[in-house]
Amino acid sequence: MRKLAIVGLVTAVMLASGVASADLLDRLKNTDFVGGLKSPPGAKVYFISPKNGETVKNPVLIQFGLKVMGVAPAQIRMENTGHHHLMINKSLLQLDLNRPLPDKDPRVKHFDKGETEMLAKFPPGVYKLRLVFGNFNHMTHDPPVMSKEITIEVK
């Protein structure tokens, strides 16, 4: 967030001084601080387990799959890499894809160390899960790399 504020401050100063051009503003909008890195064609994130519609018992093994990109811990900037985020009962409409994925929302689990699976305990019930792949700075890639939403029931 601090870097985003710095970019905004620099932009405001440059605009006020007449130094900023439309080209510079476009380049600032496409930085990693404001938007995601480009995702390669065919990039895909998906659930290996559980499967959509599956009924499971605790603890639930959730495994993440990825095609065309690689996994790297947060804060490690490498092209065509990122780390997983698990959305639990959180609609895409509740996400601002122009900002880093929320870190204080219990419905968004960050896998900052590059983890590709987790063992989770859920209270009994029905859950909607979705994977969102984020870059080194927790931003979605461009275009975003997200799984289809799956529904599981925990007994």
Protein backbone atom coordinates (compact mmCIF):
# COMPACT_ATOMS: atom_id res chain seq x y z
CA MET A 1 0.00 0.00 0.00
CA ARG A 2 2.88 2.35 0.77
CA LYS A 3 4.24 1.91 -2.76
CA LEU A 4 0.81 2.68 -4.21
CA ALA A 5 0.69 5.91 -2.16
CA ILE A 6 4.20 6.85 -3.37
CA VAL A 7 3.21 6.26 -7.02
CA GLY A 8 0.13 8.45 -6.45
CA LEU A 9 2.17 11.19 -4.80
CA VAL A 10 4.78 11.19 -7.57
CA THR A 11 2.02 11.32 -10.19
CA ALA A 12 0.30 14.24 -8.44
CA VAL A 13 3.55 16.22 -8.17
CA MET A 14 4.38 15.55 -11.82
CA LEU A 15 0.89 16.56 -12.95
CA ALA A 16 1.06 19.75 -10.90
CA SER A 17 4.42 20.65 -12.39
CA GLY A 18 3.27 19.84 -15.93
CA VAL A 19 5.92 17.11 -16.31
CA ALA A 20 3.51 14.16 -16.56
CA SER A 21 2.36 13.08 -19.99
CA ALA A 22 -0.45 10.73 -21.00
CA ASP A 23 2.22 8.14 -21.89
CA LEU A 24 3.79 8.34 -18.42
CA LEU A 25 0.40 8.01 -16.75
CA ASP A 26 -0.37 4.92 -18.86
CA ARG A 27 2.96 3.37 -17.83
CA LEU A 28 2.27 4.15 -14.15
CA LYS A 29 -1.15 2.50 -14.42
CA ASN A 30 0.55 -0.65 -15.72
CA THR A 31 3.11 -0.96 -12.93
CA ASP A 32 3.04 -3.86 -10.51
CA PHE A 33 1.96 -1.49 -7.76
CA VAL A 34 -1.29 -0.56 -9.49
CA GLY A 35 -2.01 -3.63 -11.62
CA GLY A 36 -0.84 -7.15 -12.18
CA LEU A 37 1.94 -8.52 -14.32
CA LYS A 38 0.91 -9.98 -17.66
CA SER A 39 -0.17 -13.61 -17.53
CA PRO A 40 0.96 -15.87 -20.37
CA PRO A 41 -1.60 -17.33 -22.80
CA GLY A 42 -3.11 -20.56 -21.51
CA ALA A 43 -2.33 -19.86 -17.84
CA LYS A 44 -4.73 -21.79 -15.65
CA VAL A 45 -5.21 -22.48 -11.94
CA TYR A 46 -7.50 -25.28 -10.76
CA PHE A 47 -8.36 -27.58 -7.87
CA ILE A 48 -6.76 -31.02 -7.87
CA SER A 49 -8.81 -31.85 -4.80
CA PRO A 50 -11.49 -31.67 -3.63
CA LYS A 51 -13.68 -32.02 -6.71
CA ASN A 52 -16.71 -29.86 -7.39
CA GLY A 53 -19.78 -31.26 -5.62
CA GLU A 54 -17.76 -33.58 -3.38
CA THR A 55 -18.77 -34.32 0.22
CA VAL A 56 -15.71 -34.43 2.48
CA LYS A 57 -14.74 -34.95 6.12
CA ASN A 58 -12.30 -32.93 8.23
CA PRO A 59 -9.50 -32.37 7.84
CA VAL A 60 -10.00 -31.38 4.19
CA LEU A 61 -7.02 -31.70 1.87
CA ILE A 62 -7.13 -28.85 -0.65
CA GLN A 63 -4.59 -29.17 -3.49
CA PHE A 64 -3.94 -26.48 -6.09
CA GLY A 65 -2.99 -27.09 -9.72
CA LEU A 66 -1.32 -24.64 -12.11
CA LYS A 67 -0.53 -24.70 -15.83
CA VAL A 68 1.85 -22.52 -17.90
CA MET A 69 3.06 -20.52 -14.86
CA GLY A 70 5.27 -21.27 -11.88
CA VAL A 71 4.90 -20.80 -8.14
CA ALA A 72 7.15 -18.40 -6.20
CA PRO A 73 6.81 -16.95 -2.71
CA ALA A 74 5.35 -13.48 -2.24
CA GLN A 75 7.86 -10.64 -2.68
CA ILE A 76 9.92 -12.72 -5.15
CA ARG A 77 9.47 -11.02 -8.51
CA MET A 78 9.89 -13.40 -11.43
CA GLU A 79 8.06 -13.30 -14.73
CA ASN A 80 5.21 -15.81 -15.15
CA THR A 81 5.14 -16.72 -11.45
CA GLY A 82 3.03 -15.97 -8.42
CA HIS A 83 1.36 -17.60 -5.45
CA HIS A 84 -2.07 -19.00 -4.64
CA HIS A 85 -4.96 -17.36 -2.79
CA LEU A 86 -7.99 -19.36 -1.72
CA MET A 87 -11.36 -17.61 -1.62
CA ILE A 88 -13.82 -19.23 0.80
CA ASN A 89 -17.45 -18.14 0.35
CA LYS A 90 -16.25 -14.88 -1.20
CA SER A 91 -17.74 -13.69 -4.48
CA LEU A 92 -15.57 -12.16 -7.18
CA LEU A 93 -17.92 -9.18 -6.98
CA GLN A 94 -16.50 -8.58 -3.49
CA LEU A 95 -12.93 -8.25 -4.82
CA ASP A 96 -11.29 -5.13 -6.20
CA LEU A 97 -8.95 -6.59 -8.81
CA ASN A 98 -7.14 -3.23 -9.03
CA ARG A 99 -5.80 -3.66 -5.51
CA PRO A 100 -3.76 -6.33 -3.73
CA LEU A 101 -5.87 -9.25 -2.57
CA PRO A 102 -7.10 -8.52 0.97
CA ASP A 103 -4.88 -9.82 3.76
CA LYS A 104 -7.21 -9.20 6.71
CA ASP A 105 -10.27 -10.98 5.33
CA PRO A 106 -10.67 -14.47 6.87
CA ARG A 107 -12.38 -15.58 3.62
CA VAL A 108 -9.12 -14.99 1.69
CA LYS A 109 -6.25 -17.35 2.50
CA HIS A 110 -2.80 -16.31 1.25
CA PHE A 111 -0.15 -18.90 0.45
CA ASP A 112 2.77 -16.46 0.58
CA LYS A 113 5.46 -19.12 0.88
CA GLY A 114 4.47 -20.78 -2.38
CA GLU A 115 2.41 -23.57 -0.84
CA THR A 116 0.39 -25.69 -3.27
CA GLU A 117 -1.88 -27.44 -0.77
CA MET A 118 -3.39 -27.11 2.67
CA LEU A 119 -5.09 -29.24 5.29
CA ALA A 120 -8.11 -27.30 6.59
CA LYS A 121 -10.78 -27.82 9.21
CA PHE A 122 -14.21 -26.45 8.35
CA PRO A 123 -17.36 -26.44 10.46
CA PRO A 124 -19.97 -28.70 8.84
CA GLY A 125 -21.69 -26.98 5.95
CA VAL A 126 -21.54 -26.05 2.29
CA TYR A 127 -18.61 -23.99 0.99
CA LYS A 128 -17.84 -22.23 -2.28
CA LEU A 129 -14.12 -22.20 -3.08
CA ARG A 130 -12.12 -20.41 -5.78
CA LEU A 131 -8.40 -20.04 -6.42
CA VAL A 132 -6.96 -16.70 -7.47
CA PHE A 133 -3.31 -16.56 -8.52
CA GLY A 134 -1.51 -13.40 -7.43
CA ASN A 135 1.84 -11.91 -8.37
CA PHE A 136 4.72 -11.15 -5.99
CA ASN A 137 2.79 -8.16 -4.65
CA HIS A 138 -0.59 -9.98 -4.15
CA MET A 139 -2.05 -8.40 -7.30
CA THR A 140 -3.97 -10.45 -9.86
CA HIS A 141 -2.23 -10.97 -13.18
CA ASP A 142 -3.48 -9.41 -16.40
CA PRO A 143 -5.69 -11.10 -17.40
CA PRO A 144 -6.50 -12.58 -13.97
CA VAL A 145 -5.70 -16.27 -13.47
CA MET A 146 -8.58 -17.77 -11.48
CA SER A 147 -10.17 -21.18 -11.09
CA LYS A 148 -13.81 -21.98 -11.61
CA GLU A 149 -15.73 -21.82 -8.36
CA ILE A 150 -16.35 -25.20 -6.78
CA THR A 151 -18.84 -26.18 -4.09
CA ILE A 152 -18.05 -28.76 -1.42
CA GLU A 153 -19.98 -30.04 1.56
CA VAL A 154 -18.16 -30.74 4.80
CA LYS A 155 -19.81 -33.38 7.05
